Amino acid sequence: MVMQGKTSDTELIPEFSLTQIQFPAKLFYLLNLSGLCSSSGDARRQIQGGAVRLDGSKISEVDWSIESPLDLEGRVLQVGKKKFVRFTHST
């Protein structure tokens, strides 16, 4: 589930579990799996267009690879102004 709308209440941001993801993983792959983008190609376009942010910082590297789920634990990924997801790595 992806939250759409304002993020004034961070408790409402849906969580996405990283437990089933094999790392290292590409960011565009995670955007697709989390439901923030409809496909890996769409995710790449969103990154290239400057619409992707991690904890508020713009991500511009299309092939950015995340080495461990611990690198994303508790962080919020955003696409555009209205789509958000918080990463968890709980079992």
PDB file of N, CA and C in Angstrom:
ATOM      1  N   MET A   1       0.829  -1.176   0.000  1.00  0.00           N
ATOM      2  CA  MET A   1       0.000   0.000   0.000  1.00  0.00           C
ATOM      3  C   MET A   1       0.874   1.239   0.000  1.00  0.00           C
ATOM      4  N   VAL A   2       0.540   2.195  -0.815  1.00  0.00           N
ATOM      5  CA  VAL A   2       1.285   3.424  -0.955  1.00  0.00           C
ATOM      6  C   VAL A   2       0.420   4.570  -0.470  1.00  0.00           C
ATOM      7  N   MET A   3       0.982   5.418   0.359  1.00  0.00           N
ATOM      8  CA  MET A   3       0.230   6.568   0.852  1.00  0.00           C
ATOM      9  C   MET A   3       0.232   7.663  -0.193  1.00  0.00           C
ATOM     10  N   GLN A   4      -0.910   8.271  -0.377  1.00  0.00           N
ATOM     11  CA  GLN A   4      -0.997   9.410  -1.276  1.00  0.00           C
ATOM     12  C   GLN A   4      -1.555  10.584  -0.500  1.00  0.00           C
ATOM     13  N   GLY A   5      -0.953  11.732  -0.674  1.00  0.00           N
ATOM     14  CA  GLY A   5      -1.403  12.938   0.010  1.00  0.00           C
ATOM     15  C   GLY A   5      -0.314  13.503   0.879  1.00  0.00           C
ATOM     16  N   LYS A   6      -0.709  14.338   1.826  1.00  0.00           N
ATOM     17  CA  LYS A   6       0.243  15.021   2.691  1.00  0.00           C
ATOM     18  C   LYS A   6       0.856  14.063   3.696  1.00  0.00           C
ATOM     19  N   THR A   7       2.099  14.341   4.082  1.00  0.00           N
ATOM     20  CA  THR A   7       2.777  13.497   5.063  1.00  0.00           C
ATOM     21  C   THR A   7       2.954  14.226   6.380  1.00  0.00           C
ATOM     22  N   SER A   8       2.033  15.087   6.729  1.00  0.00           N
ATOM     23  CA  SER A   8       2.143  15.818   7.982  1.00  0.00           C
ATOM     24  C   SER A   8       2.081  14.867   9.170  1.00  0.00           C
ATOM     25  N   ASP A   9       1.419  13.739   9.010  1.00  0.00           N
ATOM     26  CA  ASP A   9       1.355  12.735  10.068  1.00  0.00           C
ATOM     27  C   ASP A   9       2.157  11.517   9.625  1.00  0.00           C
ATOM     28  N   THR A  10       3.393  11.423  10.113  1.00  0.00           N
ATOM     29  CA  THR A  10       4.276  10.351   9.657  1.00  0.00           C
ATOM     30  C   THR A  10       3.809   8.967  10.089  1.00  0.00           C
ATOM     31  N   GLU A  11       2.890   8.900  11.034  1.00  0.00           N
ATOM     32  CA  GLU A  11       2.360   7.601  11.459  1.00  0.00           C
ATOM     33  C   GLU A  11       1.536   6.946  10.344  1.00  0.00           C
ATOM     34  N   LEU A  12       1.049   7.736   9.410  1.00  0.00           N
ATOM     35  CA  LEU A  12       0.191   7.214   8.349  1.00  0.00           C
ATOM     36  C   LEU A  12       0.962   6.699   7.135  1.00  0.00           C
ATOM     37  N   ILE A  13       2.273   6.883   7.127  1.00  0.00           N
ATOM     38  CA  ILE A  13       3.064   6.408   5.992  1.00  0.00           C
ATOM     39  C   ILE A  13       3.101   4.885   6.038  1.00  0.00           C
ATOM     40  N   PRO A  14       2.676   4.231   4.956  1.00  0.00           N
ATOM     41  CA  PRO A  14       2.685   2.765   4.951  1.00  0.00           C
ATOM     42  C   PRO A  14       4.105   2.214   4.976  1.00  0.00           C
ATOM     43  N   GLU A  15       4.226   1.016   5.509  1.00  0.00           N
ATOM     44  CA  GLU A  15       5.540   0.384   5.601  1.00  0.00           C
ATOM     45  C   GLU A  15       5.690  -0.676   4.524  1.00  0.00           C
ATOM     46  N   PHE A  16       6.923  -0.831   4.067  1.00  0.00           N
ATOM     47  CA  PHE A  16       7.256  -1.857   3.095  1.00  0.00           C
ATOM     48  C   PHE A  16       8.397  -2.679   3.684  1.00  0.00           C
ATOM     49  N   SER A  17       8.164  -3.972   3.870  1.00  0.00           N
ATOM     50  CA  SER A  17       9.167  -4.847   4.472  1.00  0.00           C
ATOM     51  C   SER A  17      10.213  -5.286   3.449  1.00  0.00           C
ATOM     52  N   LEU A  18      11.456  -5.207   3.862  1.00  0.00           N
ATOM     53  CA  LEU A  18      12.581  -5.589   3.001  1.00  0.00           C
ATOM     54  C   LEU A  18      13.033  -7.026   3.250  1.00  0.00           C
ATOM     55  N   THR A  19      12.307  -7.785   4.066  1.00  0.00           N
ATOM     56  CA  THR A  19      12.756  -9.118   4.460  1.00  0.00           C
ATOM     57  C   THR A  19      12.847 -10.102   3.293  1.00  0.00           C
ATOM     58  N   GLN A  20      12.020  -9.921   2.258  1.00  0.00           N
ATOM     59  CA  GLN A  20      12.025 -10.856   1.139  1.00  0.00           C
ATOM     60  C   GLN A  20      12.904 -10.388  -0.028  1.00  0.00           C
ATOM     61  N   ILE A  21      13.564  -9.250   0.121  1.00  0.00           N
ATOM     62  CA  ILE A  21      14.388  -8.694  -0.945  1.00  0.00           C
ATOM     63  C   ILE A  21      15.814  -9.205  -0.805  1.00  0.00           C
ATOM     64  N   GLN A  22      16.389  -9.608  -1.916  1.00  0.00           N
ATOM     65  CA  GLN A  22      17.769 -10.057  -1.907  1.00  0.00           C
ATOM     66  C   GLN A  22      18.678  -8.864  -2.211  1.00  0.00           C
ATOM     67  N   PHE A  23      19.619  -8.608  -1.313  1.00  0.00           N
ATOM     68  CA  PHE A  23      20.544  -7.490  -1.455  1.00  0.00           C
ATOM     69  C   PHE A  23      21.899  -7.984  -1.895  1.00  0.00           C
ATOM     70  N   PRO A  24      22.674  -7.157  -2.614  1.00  0.00           N
ATOM     71  CA  PRO A  24      22.401  -5.775  -3.004  1.00  0.00           C
ATOM     72  C   PRO A  24      21.256  -5.684  -4.010  1.00  0.00           C
ATOM     73  N   ALA A  25      20.542  -4.550  -3.967  1.00  0.00           N
ATOM     74  CA  ALA A  25      19.386  -4.333  -4.839  1.00  0.00           C
ATOM     75  C   ALA A  25      19.436  -2.918  -5.414  1.00  0.00           C
ATOM     76  N   LYS A  26      18.961  -2.775  -6.629  1.00  0.00           N
ATOM     77  CA  LYS A  26      18.909  -1.471  -7.293  1.00  0.00           C
ATOM     78  C   LYS A  26      17.692  -0.702  -6.790  1.00  0.00           C
ATOM     79  N   LEU A  27      17.832   0.601  -6.675  1.00  0.00           N
ATOM     80  CA  LEU A  27      16.732   1.441  -6.209  1.00  0.00           C
ATOM     81  C   LEU A  27      15.520   1.330  -7.119  1.00  0.00           C
ATOM     82  N   PHE A  28      15.719   1.303  -8.440  1.00  0.00           N
ATOM     83  CA  PHE A  28      14.569   1.229  -9.346  1.00  0.00           C
ATOM     84  C   PHE A  28      13.779  -0.060  -9.137  1.00  0.00           C
ATOM     85  N   TYR A  29      14.461  -1.130  -8.756  1.00  0.00           N
ATOM     86  CA  TYR A  29      13.810  -2.409  -8.450  1.00  0.00           C
ATOM     87  C   TYR A  29      12.927  -2.262  -7.204  1.00  0.00           C
ATOM     88  N   LEU A  30      13.441  -1.594  -6.171  1.00  0.00           N
ATOM     89  CA  LEU A  30      12.673  -1.390  -4.946  1.00  0.00           C
ATOM     90  C   LEU A  30      11.486  -0.471  -5.175  1.00  0.00           C
ATOM     91  N   LEU A  31      11.647   0.523  -6.039  1.00  0.00           N
ATOM     92  CA  LEU A  31      10.526   1.405  -6.373  1.00  0.00           C
ATOM     93  C   LEU A  31       9.391   0.610  -7.009  1.00  0.00           C
ATOM     94  N   ASN A  32       9.743  -0.322  -7.860  1.00  0.00           N
ATOM     95  CA  ASN A  32       8.752  -1.163  -8.522  1.00  0.00           C
ATOM     96  C   ASN A  32       8.087  -2.106  -7.514  1.00  0.00           C
ATOM     97  N   LEU A  33       8.881  -2.819  -6.731  1.00  0.00           N
ATOM     98  CA  LEU A  33       8.332  -3.794  -5.776  1.00  0.00           C
ATOM     99  C   LEU A  33       7.473  -3.148  -4.697  1.00  0.00           C
ATOM    100  N   SER A  34       7.834  -1.954  -4.286  1.00  0.00           N
ATOM    101  CA  SER A  34       7.089  -1.289  -3.212  1.00  0.00           C
ATOM    102  C   SER A  34       5.768  -0.705  -3.698  1.00  0.00           C
ATOM    103  N   GLY A  35       5.570  -0.664  -5.022  1.00  0.00           N
ATOM    104  CA  GLY A  35       4.333  -0.133  -5.569  1.00  0.00           C
ATOM    105  C   GLY A  35       4.364   1.364  -5.839  1.00  0.00           C
ATOM    106  N   LEU A  36       5.505   1.999  -5.587  1.00  0.00           N
ATOM    107  CA  LEU A  36       5.615   3.432  -5.854  1.00  0.00           C
ATOM    108  C   LEU A  36       5.652   3.715  -7.355  1.00  0.00           C
ATOM    109  N   CYS A  37       6.125   2.746  -8.137  1.00  0.00           N
ATOM    110  CA  CYS A  37       6.165   2.868  -9.599  1.00  0.00           C
ATOM    111  C   CYS A  37       5.559   1.608 -10.204  1.00  0.00           C
ATOM    112  N   SER A  38       4.998   1.740 -11.391  1.00  0.00           N
ATOM    113  CA  SER A  38       4.293   0.623 -12.011  1.00  0.00           C
ATOM    114  C   SER A  38       5.218  -0.407 -12.642  1.00  0.00           C
ATOM    115  N   SER A  39       6.471  -0.018 -12.905  1.00  0.00           N
ATOM    116  CA  SER A  39       7.444  -0.945 -13.503  1.00  0.00           C
ATOM    117  C   SER A  39       8.844  -0.423 -13.218  1.00  0.00           C
ATOM    118  N   SER A  40       9.846  -1.251 -13.489  1.00  0.00           N
ATOM    119  CA  SER A  40      11.234  -0.808 -13.326  1.00  0.00           C
ATOM    120  C   SER A  40      11.560   0.314 -14.298  1.00  0.00           C
ATOM    121  N   GLY A  41      10.987   0.248 -15.502  1.00  0.00           N
ATOM    122  CA  GLY A  41      11.197   1.303 -16.495  1.00  0.00           C
ATOM    123  C   GLY A  41      10.610   2.624 -16.027  1.00  0.00           C
ATOM    124  N   ASP A  42       9.414   2.560 -15.445  1.00  0.00           N
ATOM    125  CA  ASP A  42       8.789   3.755 -14.890  1.00  0.00           C
ATOM    126  C   ASP A  42       9.647   4.299 -13.758  1.00  0.00           C
ATOM    127  N   ALA A  43      10.180   3.431 -12.927  1.00  0.00           N
ATOM    128  CA  ALA A  43      11.031   3.851 -11.811  1.00  0.00           C
ATOM    129  C   ALA A  43      12.277   4.567 -12.330  1.00  0.00           C
ATOM    130  N   ARG A  44      12.894   4.031 -13.370  1.00  0.00           N
ATOM    131  CA  ARG A  44      14.075   4.673 -13.960  1.00  0.00           C
ATOM    132  C   ARG A  44      13.724   6.073 -14.469  1.00  0.00           C
ATOM    133  N   ARG A  45      12.578   6.197 -15.132  1.00  0.00           N
ATOM    134  CA  ARG A  45      12.149   7.505 -15.649  1.00  0.00           C
ATOM    135  C   ARG A  45      11.903   8.493 -14.507  1.00  0.00           C
ATOM    136  N   GLN A  46      11.297   8.018 -13.430  1.00  0.00           N
ATOM    137  CA  GLN A  46      11.038   8.889 -12.284  1.00  0.00           C
ATOM    138  C   GLN A  46      12.349   9.388 -11.665  1.00  0.00           C
ATOM    139  N   ILE A  47      13.335   8.493 -11.552  1.00  0.00           N
ATOM    140  CA  ILE A  47      14.643   8.882 -11.009  1.00  0.00           C
ATOM    141  C   ILE A  47      15.299   9.910 -11.930  1.00  0.00           C
ATOM    142  N   GLN A  48      15.307   9.625 -13.230  1.00  0.00           N
ATOM    143  CA  GLN A  48      15.918  10.549 -14.197  1.00  0.00           C
ATOM    144  C   GLN A  48      15.223  11.905 -14.181  1.00  0.00           C
ATOM    145  N   GLY A  49      13.924  11.913 -13.945  1.00  0.00           N
ATOM    146  CA  GLY A  49      13.156  13.151 -13.925  1.00  0.00           C
ATOM    147  C   GLY A  49      13.254  13.923 -12.618  1.00  0.00           C
ATOM    148  N   GLY A  50      13.955  13.376 -11.642  1.00  0.00           N
ATOM    149  CA  GLY A  50      14.140  14.069 -10.366  1.00  0.00           C
ATOM    150  C   GLY A  50      12.971  13.960  -9.408  1.00  0.00           C
ATOM    151  N   ALA A  51      12.116  12.965  -9.599  1.00  0.00           N
ATOM    152  CA  ALA A  51      10.916  12.840  -8.772  1.00  0.00           C
ATOM    153  C   ALA A  51      11.099  11.935  -7.556  1.00  0.00           C
ATOM    154  N   VAL A  52      12.287  11.338  -7.390  1.00  0.00           N
ATOM    155  CA  VAL A  52      12.501  10.368  -6.310  1.00  0.00           C
ATOM    156  C   VAL A  52      13.362  10.978  -5.207  1.00  0.00           C
ATOM    157  N   ARG A  53      12.871  10.815  -3.968  1.00  0.00           N
ATOM    158  CA  ARG A  53      13.608  11.327  -2.809  1.00  0.00           C
ATOM    159  C   ARG A  53      13.670  10.247  -1.730  1.00  0.00           C
ATOM    160  N   LEU A  54      14.789  10.227  -1.026  1.00  0.00           N
ATOM    161  CA  LEU A  54      14.962   9.333   0.114  1.00  0.00           C
ATOM    162  C   LEU A  54      15.201  10.224   1.327  1.00  0.00           C
ATOM    163  N   ASP A  55      14.287  10.184   2.271  1.00  0.00           N
ATOM    164  CA  ASP A  55      14.325  11.073   3.444  1.00  0.00           C
ATOM    165  C   ASP A  55      14.489  12.532   3.037  1.00  0.00           C
ATOM    166  N   GLY A  56      13.826  12.920   1.946  1.00  0.00           N
ATOM    167  CA  GLY A  56      13.844  14.306   1.507  1.00  0.00           C
ATOM    168  C   GLY A  56      14.979  14.688   0.578  1.00  0.00           C
ATOM    169  N   SER A  57      15.973  13.811   0.400  1.00  0.00           N
ATOM    170  CA  SER A  57      17.109  14.100  -0.480  1.00  0.00           C
ATOM    171  C   SER A  57      16.872  13.492  -1.850  1.00  0.00           C
ATOM    172  N   LYS A  58      17.012  14.312  -2.874  1.00  0.00           N
ATOM    173  CA  LYS A  58      16.767  13.862  -4.235  1.00  0.00           C
ATOM    174  C   LYS A  58      17.791  12.804  -4.653  1.00  0.00           C
ATOM    175  N   ILE A  59      17.300  11.740  -5.284  1.00  0.00           N
ATOM    176  CA  ILE A  59      18.148  10.674  -5.817  1.00  0.00           C
ATOM    177  C   ILE A  59      18.187  10.854  -7.333  1.00  0.00           C
ATOM    178  N   SER A  60      19.391  10.964  -7.897  1.00  0.00           N
ATOM    179  CA  SER A  60      19.505  11.175  -9.344  1.00  0.00           C
ATOM    180  C   SER A  60      20.268  10.058 -10.043  1.00  0.00           C
ATOM    181  N   GLU A  61      20.852   9.147  -9.283  1.00  0.00           N
ATOM    182  CA  GLU A  61      21.629   8.051  -9.868  1.00  0.00           C
ATOM    183  C   GLU A  61      20.691   6.875 -10.169  1.00  0.00           C
ATOM    184  N   VAL A  62      20.434   6.634 -11.460  1.00  0.00           N
ATOM    185  CA  VAL A  62      19.479   5.612 -11.884  1.00  0.00           C
ATOM    186  C   VAL A  62      19.887   4.215 -11.425  1.00  0.00           C
ATOM    187  N   ASP A  63      21.161   3.893 -11.473  1.00  0.00           N
ATOM    188  CA  ASP A  63      21.618   2.553 -11.116  1.00  0.00           C
ATOM    189  C   ASP A  63      22.142   2.459  -9.683  1.00  0.00           C
ATOM    190  N   TRP A  64      21.646   3.330  -8.802  1.00  0.00           N
ATOM    191  CA  TRP A  64      22.091   3.304  -7.414  1.00  0.00           C
ATOM    192  C   TRP A  64      21.743   1.960  -6.793  1.00  0.00           C
ATOM    193  N   SER A  65      22.730   1.340  -6.163  1.00  0.00           N
ATOM    194  CA  SER A  65      22.550   0.028  -5.559  1.00  0.00           C
ATOM    195  C   SER A  65      22.627   0.142  -4.041  1.00  0.00           C
ATOM    196  N   ILE A  66      21.704  -0.513  -3.356  1.00  0.00           N
ATOM    197  CA  ILE A  66      21.683  -0.536  -1.902  1.00  0.00           C
ATOM    198  C   ILE A  66      22.275  -1.871  -1.472  1.00  0.00           C
ATOM    199  N   GLU A  67      23.281  -1.809  -0.623  1.00  0.00           N
ATOM    200  CA  GLU A  67      24.024  -3.007  -0.242  1.00  0.00           C
ATOM    201  C   GLU A  67      23.335  -3.864   0.812  1.00  0.00           C
ATOM    202  N   SER A  68      22.608  -3.233   1.717  1.00  0.00           N
ATOM    203  CA  SER A  68      22.021  -3.959   2.839  1.00  0.00           C
ATOM    204  C   SER A  68      20.664  -3.365   3.202  1.00  0.00           C
ATOM    205  N   PRO A  69      19.739  -4.186   3.697  1.00  0.00           N
ATOM    206  CA  PRO A  69      18.455  -3.641   4.132  1.00  0.00           C
ATOM    207  C   PRO A  69      18.617  -2.666   5.304  1.00  0.00           C
ATOM    208  N   LEU A  70      19.697  -2.813   6.051  1.00  0.00           N
ATOM    209  CA  LEU A  70      19.936  -1.915   7.175  1.00  0.00           C
ATOM    210  C   LEU A  70      20.196  -0.486   6.705  1.00  0.00           C
ATOM    211  N   ASP A  71      20.645  -0.328   5.449  1.00  0.00           N
ATOM    212  CA  ASP A  71      20.871   1.005   4.885  1.00  0.00           C
ATOM    213  C   ASP A  71      19.558   1.762   4.686  1.00  0.00           C
ATOM    214  N   LEU A  72      18.440   1.044   4.623  1.00  0.00           N
ATOM    215  CA  LEU A  72      17.143   1.660   4.374  1.00  0.00           C
ATOM    216  C   LEU A  72      16.187   1.585   5.563  1.00  0.00           C
ATOM    217  N   GLU A  73      16.555   0.886   6.597  1.00  0.00           N
ATOM    218  CA  GLU A  73      15.687   0.690   7.763  1.00  0.00           C
ATOM    219  C   GLU A  73      15.156   2.019   8.298  1.00  0.00           C
ATOM    220  N   GLY A  74      13.819   2.153   8.336  1.00  0.00           N
ATOM    221  CA  GLY A  74      13.178   3.336   8.890  1.00  0.00           C
ATOM    222  C   GLY A  74      13.156   4.554   7.983  1.00  0.00           C
ATOM    223  N   ARG A  75      13.768   4.462   6.814  1.00  0.00           N
ATOM    224  CA  ARG A  75      13.836   5.605   5.904  1.00  0.00           C
ATOM    225  C   ARG A  75      12.590   5.680   5.026  1.00  0.00           C
ATOM    226  N   VAL A  76      12.261   6.883   4.584  1.00  0.00           N
ATOM    227  CA  VAL A  76      11.066   7.117   3.776  1.00  0.00           C
ATOM    228  C   VAL A  76      11.465   7.402   2.336  1.00  0.00           C
ATOM    229  N   LEU A  77      10.884   6.636   1.422  1.00  0.00           N
ATOM    230  CA  LEU A  77      11.101   6.820  -0.009  1.00  0.00           C
ATOM    231  C   LEU A  77       9.878   7.504  -0.583  1.00  0.00           C
ATOM    232  N   GLN A  78      10.112   8.499  -1.418  1.00  0.00           N
ATOM    233  CA  GLN A  78       9.032   9.308  -1.974  1.00  0.00           C
ATOM    234  C   GLN A  78       9.175   9.403  -3.488  1.00  0.00           C
ATOM    235  N   VAL A  79       8.040   9.312  -4.180  1.00  0.00           N
ATOM    236  CA  VAL A  79       7.995   9.539  -5.625  1.00  0.00           C
ATOM    237  C   VAL A  79       6.971  10.637  -5.865  1.00  0.00           C
ATOM    238  N   GLY A  80       7.415  11.721  -6.472  1.00  0.00           N
ATOM    239  CA  GLY A  80       6.527  12.861  -6.692  1.00  0.00           C
ATOM    240  C   GLY A  80       6.168  13.524  -5.381  1.00  0.00           C
ATOM    241  N   LYS A  81       5.007  14.148  -5.356  1.00  0.00           N
ATOM    242  CA  LYS A  81       4.590  14.860  -4.149  1.00  0.00           C
ATOM    243  C   LYS A  81       3.670  14.050  -3.255  1.00  0.00           C
ATOM    244  N   LYS A  82       3.126  12.948  -3.776  1.00  0.00           N
ATOM    245  CA  LYS A  82       2.056  12.276  -3.038  1.00  0.00           C
ATOM    246  C   LYS A  82       2.282  10.811  -2.695  1.00  0.00           C
ATOM    247  N   LYS A  83       3.335  10.183  -3.175  1.00  0.00           N
ATOM    248  CA  LYS A  83       3.532   8.749  -2.925  1.00  0.00           C
ATOM    249  C   LYS A  83       4.713   8.543  -1.983  1.00  0.00           C
ATOM    250  N   PHE A  84       4.441   7.822  -0.891  1.00  0.00           N
ATOM    251  CA  PHE A  84       5.446   7.590   0.132  1.00  0.00           C
ATOM    252  C   PHE A  84       5.398   6.141   0.612  1.00  0.00           C
ATOM    253  N   VAL A  85       6.557   5.657   1.094  1.00  0.00           N
ATOM    254  CA  VAL A  85       6.599   4.363   1.758  1.00  0.00           C
ATOM    255  C   VAL A  85       7.797   4.384   2.729  1.00  0.00           C
ATOM    256  N   ARG A  86       7.611   3.759   3.913  1.00  0.00           N
ATOM    257  CA  ARG A  86       8.705   3.657   4.894  1.00  0.00           C
ATOM    258  C   ARG A  86       9.203   2.206   4.874  1.00  0.00           C
ATOM    259  N   PHE A  87      10.524   2.061   4.808  1.00  0.00           N
ATOM    260  CA  PHE A  87      11.120   0.725   4.773  1.00  0.00           C
ATOM    261  C   PHE A  87      11.309   0.164   6.179  1.00  0.00           C
ATOM    262  N   THR A  88      11.005  -1.124   6.312  1.00  0.00           N
ATOM    263  CA  THR A  88      11.264  -1.836   7.561  1.00  0.00           C
ATOM    264  C   THR A  88      11.998  -3.125   7.218  1.00  0.00           C
ATOM    265  N   HIS A  89      12.664  -3.673   8.186  1.00  0.00           N
ATOM    266  CA  HIS A  89      13.352  -4.946   7.989  1.00  0.00           C
ATOM    267  C   HIS A  89      13.085  -5.864   9.165  1.00  0.00           C
ATOM    268  N   SER A  90      11.863  -5.833   9.659  1.00  0.00           N
ATOM    269  CA  SER A  90      11.501  -6.699  10.769  1.00  0.00           C
ATOM    270  C   SER A  90      11.102  -8.073  10.248  1.00  0.00           C
ATOM    271  N   THR A  91      11.341  -9.071  11.046  1.00  0.00           N
ATOM    272  CA  THR A  91      11.030 -10.443  10.623  1.00  0.00           C
ATOM    273  C   THR A  91       9.644 -10.849  11.000  1.00  0.00           C
TER     274      THR A  91
END
